[in-house]
Amino acid sequence: MIIWQPGQQINNGRFIIQGKALGSGGFGITYKALEPSTGKLYAIKTLNSTMQIREDFAEQQVKFINEALTIKGFDYPHILKVYEVIQEGQLFGVVMEYIDGETLFQYAQNKGQLSESEALLYIDQIGRALEYIHDKAQLHRDIKPQNILLRQNKQEAVLIDFGLTRSIATKSMTNSFTEGYAPIEQYRRKGSFGSYTDVYALAATLYYLLTADGLKKEGEVTPVPAQNRKYDDEPLPEPKHYNSRISQRVNDAILQGMEIEPEKRTPTVLKFRENLGLVVQPRRTPPPNPLPASEEGGLKSSVGMDYRKLRDLLAQGKWKEVDEETKQVMLAVAKREKEGWLYEEHIDNFPCEDLRTIDQLWVKYSDGKFGFSVQKRIYQGLGGTREYDLDIWDKFGDKVGWRKGGSWLYYKDITFDKKAPEGHLPCGWYGEDFWGGMLIRVVGFFSRVETCRL
């Protein structure tokens, strides 16, 4: 049995274990480790002592490594980043991003139940992360407040602990689960598994975040387990029973997401987010026969996008609405409305004609103060290139007013006014509430602005 100790060097001295373990679960144990050559901290997860003494330890370790390699392919701001697999003697470890923060469970325990708006912020972030995972034909299967970390001093939730991750196509699964958050199908050795499996757990997590105080008063720590509801006829009190301030819409969405049988449950995370009111309705499709550019004042589009609403909002100086409209038209042009974000490949292939139209509208109606070309000029003026230089990125954030006092702002703190600093807008499409993580996306976008000669 191998347990790494504080101060122990592993992987030929590359890492040094720091303090006691960060946490231990049914399968794994996670350590905090320092890489002396870079000064960076990492989290390293291995199979725990219980797993190490099992007769099938070698087989379990192979599964552990394969799962880690699957997760390594995930690249999303609200999913814990996995970097590599290392070996120390007979034990393999998964090197992951270290997050200095607390779990949503700890946060709710210390602060008390969350307001509806704050709870929905985190559920939306984790919901979009789950949609990303489901698009890759994977299930998380262990969504709960304890498996969601909040970055310190930031309203950013990160999904962790993928120890139960499985392919959606897998019909037979281990019956490991967390009571109160696991749907009924996870109590069965064989069952019907799908995106709705994670929907139940996500809805139960929201249930807890909004009712933690009420649950605590009645001596409960989780929602009523699905097993009790199904076989003991124990009812699930509606969330409003514990917290009268919960809106009826959110109350009903939670209950539908926690239906016992899968066929009655909200089928997808996207639908659950829609029921919660978190999804902007898909943008109108481009007109099949758009008016010629000459008739539309030069609102050119290579894909037939209609920019009249964007133009009109800009003319009226409705800067926040314009920022949201900009995001929606860009997603529509790239055919990424469902996903809600653009990757580098979408940015690199974004039509120059459309990019130019959007930018020219911003520049014209802001009198040259806002626009992609304005932001690119400021960034390059600071020495910025497509290389990811964090120092220049911070200086850029300071210059355009996206940082104050050395800290990145949240989207809610953005100034939607012409009095804002030069280059302050547009900003919403870049990343919403994960400003510090926008670097790769924005720098790649500025490169596309340069390529299109804006």
Protein backbone atom coordinates (compact mmCIF):
# COMPACT_ATOMS: atom_id res chain seq x y z
CA MET A 1 0.00 0.00 0.00
CA ILE A 2 1.42 3.36 -1.08
CA ILE A 3 0.54 6.68 0.53
CA TRP A 4 2.55 9.72 -0.47
CA GLN A 5 3.81 11.82 2.43
CA PRO A 6 4.37 15.60 2.76
CA GLY A 7 7.79 16.55 1.42
CA GLN A 8 8.11 13.32 -0.59
CA GLN A 9 9.63 13.73 -4.04
CA ILE A 10 7.95 11.79 -6.85
CA ASN A 11 8.48 11.28 -10.56
CA ASN A 12 12.28 11.52 -10.24
CA GLY A 13 12.08 14.66 -8.15
CA ARG A 14 9.89 16.57 -10.57
CA PHE A 15 7.14 17.04 -7.96
CA ILE A 16 7.16 17.49 -4.18
CA ILE A 17 4.05 16.54 -2.20
CA GLN A 18 2.70 19.49 -0.20
CA GLY A 19 0.94 18.91 3.13
CA LYS A 20 -1.85 16.42 3.73
CA ALA A 21 -4.07 15.04 0.99
CA LEU A 22 -6.56 17.46 -0.56
CA GLY A 23 -9.28 14.85 -0.41
CA SER A 24 -10.13 11.17 -0.66
CA GLY A 25 -13.14 9.39 -2.11
CA GLY A 26 -14.33 5.90 -2.86
CA PHE A 27 -11.73 5.37 -5.58
CA GLY A 28 -9.01 7.98 -5.42
CA ILE A 29 -6.94 10.25 -3.24
CA THR A 30 -5.73 13.66 -4.39
CA TYR A 31 -2.52 15.38 -3.34
CA LYS A 32 -1.25 18.92 -3.71
CA ALA A 33 2.16 18.96 -5.38
CA LEU A 34 4.78 21.57 -6.22
CA GLU A 35 6.85 21.50 -9.40
CA PRO A 36 10.08 23.20 -8.19
CA SER A 37 11.38 23.89 -11.69
CA THR A 38 8.40 26.16 -12.46
CA GLY A 39 7.09 27.02 -9.02
CA LYS A 40 3.63 25.86 -10.10
CA LEU A 41 1.20 23.91 -7.94
CA TYR A 42 -0.72 20.93 -9.27
CA ALA A 43 -3.25 18.40 -7.96
CA ILE A 44 -2.21 14.77 -8.48
CA LYS A 45 -4.75 11.98 -8.10
CA THR A 46 -4.02 8.29 -7.58
CA LEU A 47 -6.04 5.25 -6.58
CA ASN A 48 -6.47 5.22 -2.80
CA SER A 49 -5.30 2.61 -0.28
CA THR A 50 -8.57 0.68 -0.45
CA MET A 51 -8.25 0.25 -4.20
CA GLN A 52 -4.56 -0.64 -3.91
CA ILE A 53 -5.23 -3.75 -1.82
CA ARG A 54 -7.88 -5.13 -4.14
CA GLU A 55 -7.00 -8.26 -6.09
CA ASP A 56 -7.92 -6.52 -9.33
CA PHE A 57 -5.81 -3.43 -8.55
CA ALA A 58 -3.87 -3.69 -11.82
CA GLU A 59 -7.11 -3.85 -13.81
CA GLN A 60 -8.58 -0.94 -11.87
CA GLN A 61 -5.47 1.13 -12.48
CA VAL A 62 -5.75 0.57 -16.23
CA LYS A 63 -9.35 1.82 -16.09
CA PHE A 64 -8.19 4.78 -14.02
CA ILE A 65 -5.57 5.71 -16.62
CA ASN A 66 -7.96 5.28 -19.55
CA GLU A 67 -10.52 7.52 -17.86
CA ALA A 68 -7.81 10.11 -17.25
CA LEU A 69 -6.88 10.08 -20.92
CA THR A 70 -10.54 10.64 -21.83
CA ILE A 71 -10.78 13.62 -19.49
CA LYS A 72 -7.47 14.97 -20.82
CA GLY A 73 -9.30 15.59 -24.08
CA PHE A 74 -11.78 17.93 -22.37
CA ASP A 75 -10.99 21.60 -22.88
CA TYR A 76 -13.64 23.83 -21.36
CA PRO A 77 -13.35 26.72 -18.86
CA HIS A 78 -15.64 25.11 -16.27
CA ILE A 79 -14.05 21.65 -16.37
CA LEU A 80 -10.95 20.80 -14.33
CA LYS A 81 -7.98 20.57 -16.67
CA VAL A 82 -6.08 17.27 -16.80
CA TYR A 83 -2.51 17.57 -18.08
CA GLU A 84 -0.81 14.16 -18.07
CA VAL A 85 -0.33 10.75 -16.43
CA ILE A 86 2.85 10.04 -14.45
CA GLN A 87 4.23 6.96 -12.72
CA GLU A 88 5.87 6.61 -9.32
CA GLY A 89 6.90 3.02 -8.72
CA GLN A 90 3.81 0.83 -9.20
CA LEU A 91 1.42 3.73 -8.74
CA PHE A 92 0.15 5.97 -11.52
CA GLY A 93 -0.91 9.53 -10.91
CA VAL A 94 -3.01 11.98 -12.91
CA VAL A 95 -1.59 15.51 -12.96
CA MET A 96 -4.39 18.08 -12.89
CA GLU A 97 -4.97 21.79 -12.49
CA TYR A 98 -4.77 22.93 -8.86
CA ILE A 99 -7.61 25.23 -7.87
CA ASP A 100 -7.30 27.32 -4.73
CA GLY A 101 -10.89 27.51 -3.60
CA GLU A 102 -13.75 25.69 -1.89
CA THR A 103 -16.49 23.36 -3.04
CA LEU A 104 -20.04 24.56 -3.52
CA PHE A 105 -20.98 22.35 -0.58
CA GLN A 106 -18.47 24.10 1.71
CA TYR A 107 -19.57 27.47 0.35
CA ALA A 108 -23.24 26.80 1.11
CA GLN A 109 -22.39 25.35 4.52
CA ASN A 110 -20.44 28.48 5.47
CA LYS A 111 -22.59 31.12 3.79
CA GLY A 112 -25.99 29.49 3.95
CA GLN A 113 -28.28 28.76 1.03
CA LEU A 114 -27.57 30.80 -2.09
CA SER A 115 -29.76 33.41 -3.70
CA GLU A 116 -31.56 32.18 -6.79
CA SER A 117 -29.49 34.38 -9.09
CA GLU A 118 -26.15 33.20 -7.69
CA ALA A 119 -27.19 29.54 -7.68
CA LEU A 120 -28.34 29.80 -11.30
CA LEU A 121 -25.03 31.40 -12.28
CA TYR A 122 -23.11 28.33 -11.11
CA ILE A 123 -25.67 25.83 -12.43
CA ASP A 124 -25.53 27.52 -15.83
CA GLN A 125 -21.72 27.26 -15.89
CA ILE A 126 -21.73 23.59 -14.88
CA GLY A 127 -24.69 22.91 -17.16
CA ARG A 128 -22.77 24.20 -20.17
CA ALA A 129 -19.80 22.11 -19.11
CA LEU A 130 -22.04 19.04 -19.03
CA GLU A 131 -23.40 19.81 -22.48
CA TYR A 132 -19.79 19.86 -23.69
CA ILE A 133 -19.17 16.46 -22.06
CA HIS A 134 -22.39 14.98 -23.45
CA ASP A 135 -21.50 16.22 -26.93
CA LYS A 136 -18.46 13.97 -26.59
CA ALA A 137 -20.74 11.01 -25.76
CA GLN A 138 -19.64 10.91 -22.10
CA LEU A 139 -21.52 11.10 -18.78
CA HIS A 140 -20.12 12.47 -15.52
CA ARG A 141 -22.45 10.45 -13.21
CA ASP A 142 -21.36 12.13 -9.97
CA ILE A 143 -22.63 15.71 -10.08
CA LYS A 144 -23.02 17.08 -6.55
CA PRO A 145 -22.02 20.23 -4.65
CA GLN A 146 -18.91 18.47 -3.32
CA ASN A 147 -17.68 17.94 -6.90
CA ILE A 148 -17.95 21.57 -7.95
CA LEU A 149 -15.14 23.93 -6.98
CA LEU A 150 -15.34 27.71 -6.80
CA ARG A 151 -12.19 29.57 -7.72
CA GLN A 152 -11.10 31.79 -4.86
CA ASN A 153 -12.55 35.32 -5.03
CA LYS A 154 -14.26 34.55 -8.34
CA GLN A 155 -17.76 33.53 -9.30
CA GLU A 156 -16.43 30.68 -11.42
CA ALA A 157 -17.55 27.11 -10.85
CA VAL A 158 -15.39 24.20 -12.03
CA LEU A 159 -16.54 20.59 -12.37
CA ILE A 160 -14.13 18.10 -10.79
CA ASP A 161 -13.85 14.40 -9.92
CA PHE A 162 -14.52 12.42 -13.08
CA GLY A 163 -13.94 9.06 -11.38
CA LEU A 164 -17.33 7.72 -12.49
CA THR A 165 -17.23 9.09 -16.02
CA ARG A 166 -18.55 6.63 -18.59
CA SER A 167 -19.54 6.55 -22.23
CA ILE A 168 -23.23 7.17 -22.85
CA ALA A 169 -23.18 4.04 -25.02
CA THR A 170 -22.24 1.89 -22.00
CA LYS A 171 -25.32 0.02 -20.80
CA SER A 172 -23.81 -1.84 -17.83
CA MET A 173 -22.22 0.37 -15.18
CA THR A 174 -20.96 0.06 -11.63
CA ASN A 175 -23.65 1.04 -9.15
CA SER A 176 -21.49 3.65 -7.43
CA PHE A 177 -23.37 6.81 -6.61
CA THR A 178 -23.98 9.58 -4.10
CA GLU A 179 -27.33 9.32 -2.34
CA GLY A 180 -29.52 12.36 -2.72
CA TYR A 181 -28.00 13.28 -6.08
CA ALA A 182 -28.03 9.97 -7.99
CA PRO A 183 -31.07 9.08 -10.14
CA ILE A 184 -32.82 5.75 -9.78
CA GLU A 185 -31.04 4.20 -12.78
CA GLN A 186 -27.71 4.42 -10.95
CA TYR A 187 -29.04 2.08 -8.27
CA ARG A 188 -29.42 -0.58 -10.93
CA ARG A 189 -26.63 -2.73 -12.30
CA LYS A 190 -28.08 -2.40 -15.78
CA GLY A 191 -30.32 0.40 -16.80
CA SER A 192 -31.12 3.17 -19.19
CA PHE A 193 -28.40 5.81 -19.00
CA GLY A 194 -28.29 9.07 -20.89
CA SER A 195 -27.89 12.81 -20.53
CA TYR A 196 -30.95 12.75 -18.27
CA THR A 197 -28.82 10.83 -15.75
CA ASP A 198 -26.68 13.92 -15.20
CA VAL A 199 -29.75 16.17 -15.42
CA TYR A 200 -31.14 14.58 -12.24
CA ALA A 201 -27.92 15.21 -10.32
CA LEU A 202 -27.63 18.78 -11.63
CA ALA A 203 -31.24 19.51 -10.61
CA ALA A 204 -30.62 17.95 -7.19
CA THR A 205 -27.52 20.11 -6.80
CA LEU A 206 -29.58 23.22 -7.52
CA TYR A 207 -32.20 21.93 -5.05
CA TYR A 208 -29.53 21.78 -2.35
CA LEU A 209 -27.99 25.18 -3.13
CA LEU A 210 -31.39 26.86 -2.78
CA THR A 211 -32.64 24.91 0.25
CA ALA A 212 -29.54 24.18 2.36
CA ASP A 213 -30.81 26.17 5.37
CA GLY A 214 -34.24 24.53 5.33
CA LEU A 215 -32.78 21.05 4.91
CA LYS A 216 -30.42 21.66 7.82
CA LYS A 217 -33.26 22.75 10.12
CA GLU A 218 -35.06 19.48 9.42
CA GLY A 219 -31.90 17.43 9.99
CA GLU A 220 -31.33 16.64 6.32
CA VAL A 221 -28.13 17.11 4.34
CA THR A 222 -29.32 16.12 0.84
CA PRO A 223 -32.56 15.95 -1.11
CA VAL A 224 -34.58 12.76 -0.52
CA PRO A 225 -32.70 9.89 -2.24
CA ALA A 226 -34.32 8.48 -5.38
CA GLN A 227 -34.32 4.99 -3.81
CA ASN A 228 -36.42 6.21 -0.88
CA ARG A 229 -38.80 8.02 -3.19
CA LYS A 230 -39.30 5.00 -5.44
CA TYR A 231 -39.51 2.12 -2.95
CA ASP A 232 -40.45 3.74 0.38
CA ASP A 233 -42.94 6.24 -1.07
CA GLU A 234 -41.07 9.05 0.68
CA PRO A 235 -42.13 12.27 -1.07
CA LEU A 236 -39.70 14.89 -2.32
CA PRO A 237 -40.79 18.25 -0.84
CA GLU A 238 -40.83 20.94 -3.48
CA PRO A 239 -37.95 23.39 -3.09
CA LYS A 240 -40.36 26.19 -2.13
CA HIS A 241 -41.26 24.17 0.98
CA TYR A 242 -37.83 25.05 2.36
CA ASN A 243 -37.34 28.43 0.65
CA SER A 244 -40.40 30.52 -0.22
CA ARG A 245 -38.28 33.00 -2.21
CA ILE A 246 -37.64 30.48 -4.99
CA SER A 247 -39.49 31.45 -8.17
CA GLN A 248 -42.21 29.11 -9.42
CA ARG A 249 -40.35 28.64 -12.70
CA VAL A 250 -37.18 27.42 -10.99
CA ASN A 251 -39.17 25.34 -8.49
CA ASP A 252 -40.98 23.52 -11.30
CA ALA A 253 -37.82 23.08 -13.40
CA ILE A 254 -36.06 21.39 -10.47
CA LEU A 255 -38.93 18.99 -9.86
CA GLN A 256 -39.14 18.07 -13.55
CA GLY A 257 -35.38 17.53 -13.62
CA MET A 258 -35.69 15.21 -10.59
CA GLU A 259 -38.50 13.01 -11.90
CA ILE A 260 -37.81 9.47 -10.72
CA GLU A 261 -38.19 7.61 -14.01
CA PRO A 262 -35.95 8.71 -16.91
CA GLU A 263 -38.78 8.79 -19.45
CA LYS A 264 -40.62 11.45 -17.40
CA ARG A 265 -37.51 13.49 -16.61
CA THR A 266 -36.14 16.52 -18.45
CA PRO A 267 -34.20 14.79 -21.25
CA THR A 268 -31.18 17.06 -21.72
CA VAL A 269 -29.17 19.66 -19.86
CA LEU A 270 -30.00 22.20 -22.57
CA LYS A 271 -33.73 21.67 -21.95
CA PHE A 272 -33.15 21.95 -18.20
CA ARG A 273 -31.35 25.25 -18.70
CA GLU A 274 -34.19 26.41 -20.95
CA ASN A 275 -36.72 25.50 -18.24
CA LEU A 276 -34.71 27.57 -15.77
CA GLY A 277 -34.77 30.54 -18.13
CA LEU A 278 -31.00 30.44 -18.68
CA VAL A 279 -30.96 29.92 -22.45
CA VAL A 280 -31.43 32.81 -24.83
CA GLN A 281 -33.86 31.68 -27.50
CA PRO A 282 -32.09 30.72 -30.74
CA ARG A 283 -31.59 33.67 -33.02
CA ARG A 284 -33.79 34.01 -36.03
CA THR A 285 -32.34 32.20 -39.02
CA PRO A 286 -30.85 34.38 -41.75
CA PRO A 287 -33.40 35.36 -44.40
CA PRO A 288 -33.25 32.99 -47.39
CA ASN A 289 -33.18 35.91 -49.81
CA PRO A 290 -31.39 38.79 -48.06
CA LEU A 291 -31.65 42.23 -49.58
CA PRO A 292 -28.71 43.32 -51.72
CA ALA A 293 -25.99 45.10 -49.76
CA SER A 294 -26.70 48.34 -51.59
CA GLU A 295 -30.26 48.31 -50.27
CA GLU A 296 -29.11 47.57 -46.76
CA GLY A 297 -26.57 50.34 -46.39
CA GLY A 298 -23.53 48.11 -46.79
CA LEU A 299 -24.56 45.46 -44.22
CA LYS A 300 -22.72 42.76 -46.12
CA SER A 301 -22.74 39.12 -45.08
CA SER A 302 -21.28 36.11 -46.83
CA VAL A 303 -23.85 33.86 -45.13
CA GLY A 304 -26.96 36.02 -45.48
CA MET A 305 -27.00 37.26 -41.87
CA ASP A 306 -29.35 40.16 -41.16
CA TYR A 307 -27.48 42.95 -39.33
CA ARG A 308 -30.30 45.48 -39.24
CA LYS A 309 -31.10 44.87 -35.56
CA LEU A 310 -27.43 45.28 -34.64
CA ARG A 311 -27.29 48.53 -36.59
CA ASP A 312 -30.48 49.89 -35.05
CA LEU A 313 -29.41 49.09 -31.49
CA LEU A 314 -26.07 50.80 -32.08
CA ALA A 315 -27.82 53.85 -33.51
CA GLN A 316 -29.93 54.01 -30.33
CA GLY A 317 -26.86 53.69 -28.09
CA LYS A 318 -28.24 50.62 -26.30
CA TRP A 319 -24.77 49.29 -25.55
CA LYS A 320 -25.66 46.27 -23.40
CA GLU A 321 -28.27 45.07 -25.87
CA VAL A 322 -25.78 45.65 -28.69
CA ASP A 323 -23.17 43.57 -26.88
CA GLU A 324 -25.60 40.66 -26.52
CA GLU A 325 -26.75 41.02 -30.13
CA THR A 326 -23.11 40.93 -31.26
CA LYS A 327 -22.62 37.63 -29.47
CA GLN A 328 -25.77 36.17 -30.98
CA VAL A 329 -24.99 37.14 -34.59
CA MET A 330 -21.44 35.81 -34.28
CA LEU A 331 -22.69 32.48 -32.94
CA ALA A 332 -25.31 32.37 -35.70
CA VAL A 333 -22.74 33.09 -38.42
CA ALA A 334 -20.48 30.32 -37.07
CA LYS A 335 -23.48 27.98 -36.57
CA ARG A 336 -22.61 27.64 -32.88
CA GLU A 337 -25.84 28.90 -31.30
CA LYS A 338 -26.51 25.65 -29.47
CA GLU A 339 -23.01 25.41 -28.01
CA GLY A 340 -22.84 29.09 -27.07
CA TRP A 341 -19.11 29.59 -27.63
CA LEU A 342 -16.47 29.61 -30.39
CA TYR A 343 -13.27 27.60 -30.47
CA GLU A 344 -10.10 28.65 -32.24
CA GLU A 345 -11.06 26.78 -35.41
CA HIS A 346 -14.33 28.71 -35.60
CA ILE A 347 -12.54 31.99 -35.03
CA ASP A 348 -9.89 31.21 -37.64
CA ASN A 349 -12.63 30.49 -40.22
CA PHE A 350 -15.00 33.31 -39.31
CA PRO A 351 -16.03 35.06 -42.57
CA CYS A 352 -14.03 38.26 -43.04
CA GLU A 353 -16.96 40.01 -44.71
CA ASP A 354 -19.17 39.49 -41.66
CA LEU A 355 -16.39 40.36 -39.22
CA ARG A 356 -15.80 43.58 -41.14
CA THR A 357 -19.49 44.49 -41.13
CA ILE A 358 -19.83 43.97 -37.36
CA ASP A 359 -16.65 45.92 -36.65
CA GLN A 360 -17.51 48.80 -38.96
CA LEU A 361 -20.92 49.19 -37.31
CA TRP A 362 -19.34 49.33 -33.85
CA VAL A 363 -16.67 51.81 -34.94
CA LYS A 364 -19.15 54.04 -36.78
CA TYR A 365 -21.75 54.37 -34.02
CA SER A 366 -19.21 54.67 -31.18
CA ASP A 367 -17.29 57.41 -33.04
CA GLY A 368 -14.23 55.19 -33.24
CA LYS A 369 -14.17 54.28 -29.54
CA PHE A 370 -15.35 50.65 -29.65
CA GLY A 371 -14.88 47.71 -32.01
CA PHE A 372 -12.68 44.71 -32.75
CA SER A 373 -10.23 46.76 -34.77
CA VAL A 374 -9.90 49.24 -31.88
CA GLN A 375 -9.16 46.42 -29.43
CA LYS A 376 -6.66 44.84 -31.82
CA ARG A 377 -4.82 48.17 -32.23
CA ILE A 378 -4.57 48.61 -28.45
CA TYR A 379 -3.38 45.02 -27.95
CA GLN A 380 -0.72 45.25 -30.63
CA GLY A 381 0.33 48.66 -29.33
CA LEU A 382 1.23 46.95 -26.04
CA GLY A 383 3.43 44.48 -27.92
CA GLY A 384 0.83 41.75 -28.16
CA THR A 385 1.16 38.96 -30.74
CA ARG A 386 -0.48 35.55 -31.09
CA GLU A 387 1.93 34.29 -28.43
CA TYR A 388 0.12 34.01 -25.09
CA ASP A 389 1.89 36.63 -22.95
CA LEU A 390 0.06 36.96 -19.62
CA ASP A 391 1.84 40.20 -18.72
CA ILE A 392 0.67 41.91 -21.93
CA TRP A 393 -2.79 40.40 -21.45
CA ASP A 394 -3.03 41.97 -17.98
CA LYS A 395 -1.87 45.33 -19.35
CA PHE A 396 -4.49 45.07 -22.09
CA GLY A 397 -7.18 44.35 -19.49
CA ASP A 398 -6.10 47.43 -17.54
CA LYS A 399 -6.06 49.59 -20.67
CA VAL A 400 -9.56 48.73 -21.88
CA GLY A 401 -11.05 48.71 -18.38
CA TRP A 402 -11.63 44.98 -18.02
CA ARG A 403 -9.46 44.95 -14.90
CA LYS A 404 -9.59 47.18 -11.84
CA GLY A 405 -7.18 47.14 -8.93
CA GLY A 406 -5.33 44.20 -10.47
CA SER A 407 -8.44 41.99 -10.63
CA TRP A 408 -10.49 40.97 -13.66
CA LEU A 409 -14.07 42.17 -13.68
CA TYR A 410 -17.15 40.03 -14.08
CA TYR A 411 -19.48 40.68 -16.97
CA LYS A 412 -22.06 42.24 -14.63
CA ASP A 413 -19.47 44.92 -13.75
CA ILE A 414 -18.78 45.96 -17.34
CA THR A 415 -19.58 49.61 -18.20
CA PHE A 416 -22.19 49.71 -20.94
CA ASP A 417 -21.77 53.39 -21.68
CA LYS A 418 -19.92 55.47 -24.22
CA LYS A 419 -17.96 56.94 -21.30
CA ALA A 420 -16.21 53.58 -20.87
CA PRO A 421 -12.49 53.35 -21.78
CA GLU A 422 -11.49 52.99 -25.41
CA GLY A 423 -11.82 49.37 -26.55
CA HIS A 424 -14.05 48.44 -23.58
CA LEU A 425 -16.70 47.03 -25.92
CA PRO A 426 -17.67 44.61 -27.38
CA CYS A 427 -16.82 42.04 -24.73
CA GLY A 428 -19.63 39.58 -23.91
CA TRP A 429 -18.95 37.05 -26.67
CA TYR A 430 -15.35 36.65 -25.49
CA GLY A 431 -16.24 34.72 -22.37
CA GLU A 432 -18.92 36.16 -20.09
CA ASP A 433 -17.86 35.34 -16.52
CA PHE A 434 -14.42 33.79 -16.93
CA TRP A 435 -12.35 36.80 -17.84
CA GLY A 436 -8.99 35.44 -16.71
CA GLY A 437 -9.48 32.43 -18.98
CA MET A 438 -10.20 34.39 -22.17
CA LEU A 439 -6.58 34.88 -23.24
CA ILE A 440 -6.31 32.13 -25.86
CA ARG A 441 -9.69 32.99 -27.36
CA VAL A 442 -9.14 36.74 -27.56
CA VAL A 443 -5.58 36.60 -28.85
CA GLY A 444 -6.62 34.12 -31.53
CA PHE A 445 -9.49 36.42 -32.43
CA PHE A 446 -7.20 39.45 -32.77
CA SER A 447 -5.11 37.35 -35.14
CA ARG A 448 -8.22 36.78 -37.27
CA VAL A 449 -8.99 40.53 -37.16
CA GLU A 450 -5.47 41.11 -38.49
CA THR A 451 -5.88 38.45 -41.21
CA CYS A 452 -9.13 40.08 -42.34
CA ARG A 453 -7.32 43.45 -42.44
CA LEU A 454 -9.72 45.28 -40.16
